[in-house]
Structure formats: structure tokens, C-alpha cells
C-alpha atoms as a PDB file:
ATOM      1  CA  ILE A   1    -122.554  -9.478  19.989  1.00  0.00           C
ATOM      2  CA  VAL A   2    -119.273  -8.100  21.758  1.00  0.00           C
ATOM      3  CA  LEU A   3    -118.947 -10.871  23.968  1.00  0.00           C
ATOM      4  CA  LEU A   4    -119.551 -13.690  21.109  1.00  0.00           C
ATOM      5  CA  ALA A   5    -116.434 -11.864  18.682  1.00  0.00           C
ATOM      6  CA  MET A   6    -114.422 -11.862  22.146  1.00  0.00           C
ATOM      7  CA  LEU A   7    -115.407 -15.833  21.823  1.00  0.00           C
ATOM      8  CA  LEU A   8    -114.579 -16.090  18.195  1.00  0.00           C
ATOM      9  CA  VAL A   9    -111.118 -14.256  18.377  1.00  0.00           C
ATOM     10  CA  GLN A  10    -110.193 -16.508  21.966  1.00  0.00           C
ATOM     11  CA  ILE A  11    -111.421 -19.649  19.891  1.00  0.00           C
ATOM     12  CA  GLN A  12    -109.664 -18.589  16.804  1.00  0.00           C
ATOM     13  CA  ALA A  13    -106.377 -17.429  19.177  1.00  0.00           C
ATOM     14  CA  ILE A  14    -105.823 -21.078  20.449  1.00  0.00           C
ATOM     15  CA  PRO A  15    -105.366 -23.622  17.337  1.00  0.00           C
ATOM     16  CA  GLN A  16    -103.083 -21.263  15.896  1.00  0.00           C
ATOM     17  CA  GLY A  17    -100.514 -23.198  18.248  1.00  0.00           C
ATOM     18  CA  PRO A  18     -99.983 -26.670  18.134  1.00  0.00           C
ATOM     19  CA  SER A  19    -103.054 -27.539  17.044  1.00  0.00           C
ATOM     20  CA  TYR A  20    -105.181 -28.179  14.015  1.00  0.00           C
ATOM     21  CA  LEU A  21    -104.248 -25.367  11.302  1.00  0.00           C
ATOM     22  CA  PRO A  22    -106.704 -22.099  11.883  1.00  0.00           C
ATOM     23  CA  PRO A  23    -107.436 -19.909   8.191  1.00  0.00           C
ATOM     24  CA  SER A  24    -104.205 -17.652   8.211  1.00  0.00           C
ATOM     25  CA  GLY A  25    -101.861 -19.965  10.409  1.00  0.00           C
ATOM     26  CA  GLY A  26    -102.928 -22.935   8.400  1.00  0.00           C
ATOM     27  CA  ALA A  27    -101.701 -21.172   5.260  1.00  0.00           C
ATOM     28  CA  ALA A  28     -98.688 -20.473   6.578  1.00  0.00           C
ATOM     29  CA  ALA A  29     -97.769 -23.542   8.038  1.00  0.00           C
ATOM     30  CA  ARG A  30     -97.716 -25.761   4.697  1.00  0.00           C
ATOM     31  CA  PRO A  31     -95.023 -23.754   2.502  1.00  0.00           C
ATOM     32  CA  GLY A  32     -93.317 -24.801   6.224  1.00  0.00           C
ATOM     33  CA  GLY A  33     -93.774 -28.222   5.362  1.00  0.00           C
ATOM     34  CA  GLY A  34     -91.436 -29.446   8.507  1.00  0.00           C
ATOM     35  CA  GLY A  35     -92.710 -30.618  11.719  1.00  0.00           C
ATOM     36  CA  ASN A  36     -95.473 -28.649  11.438  1.00  0.00           C
ATOM     37  CA  GLY A  37     -97.018 -30.153   7.550  1.00  0.00           C
ATOM     38  CA  HIS A  38     -99.456 -32.282  10.372  1.00  0.00           C
ATOM     39  CA  PRO A  39    -101.594 -29.805  11.235  1.00  0.00           C
ATOM     40  CA  ASP A  40    -103.139 -31.500   7.771  1.00  0.00           C
ATOM     41  CA  ASP A  41    -103.656 -34.582   9.730  1.00  0.00           C
ATOM     42  CA  TRP A  42    -105.748 -33.481  12.397  1.00  0.00           C
ATOM     43  CA  ALA A  43    -107.564 -31.719   9.642  1.00  0.00           C
ATOM     44  CA  GLY A  44    -108.154 -35.242   7.778  1.00  0.00           C
END
């Protein structure tokens, strides 16, 4: 169970960068509206 939690944390930590928007980073990226608004396009 601990290993699964660690993997989930790492998987959610990696996309927070230039990849698609995570649950927390996405909400913070939308108000920005600048060049970082493209993650919405990645999501579809």
C-alpha cells in the first residue's frame, strides 16, 4: 500500500511541470492565463 501511495505521489508530482494539468496545478494555471494556459489544450 505504501509503495502504491509513493508511486501515485511521484506520478502526480511529475506532471505539475510542463506536462498536462494536475488537480492542484490546473486550478492555479487557469487564473494565470499566460503561456501556461495551453495545458487545457493538452487535456483536450
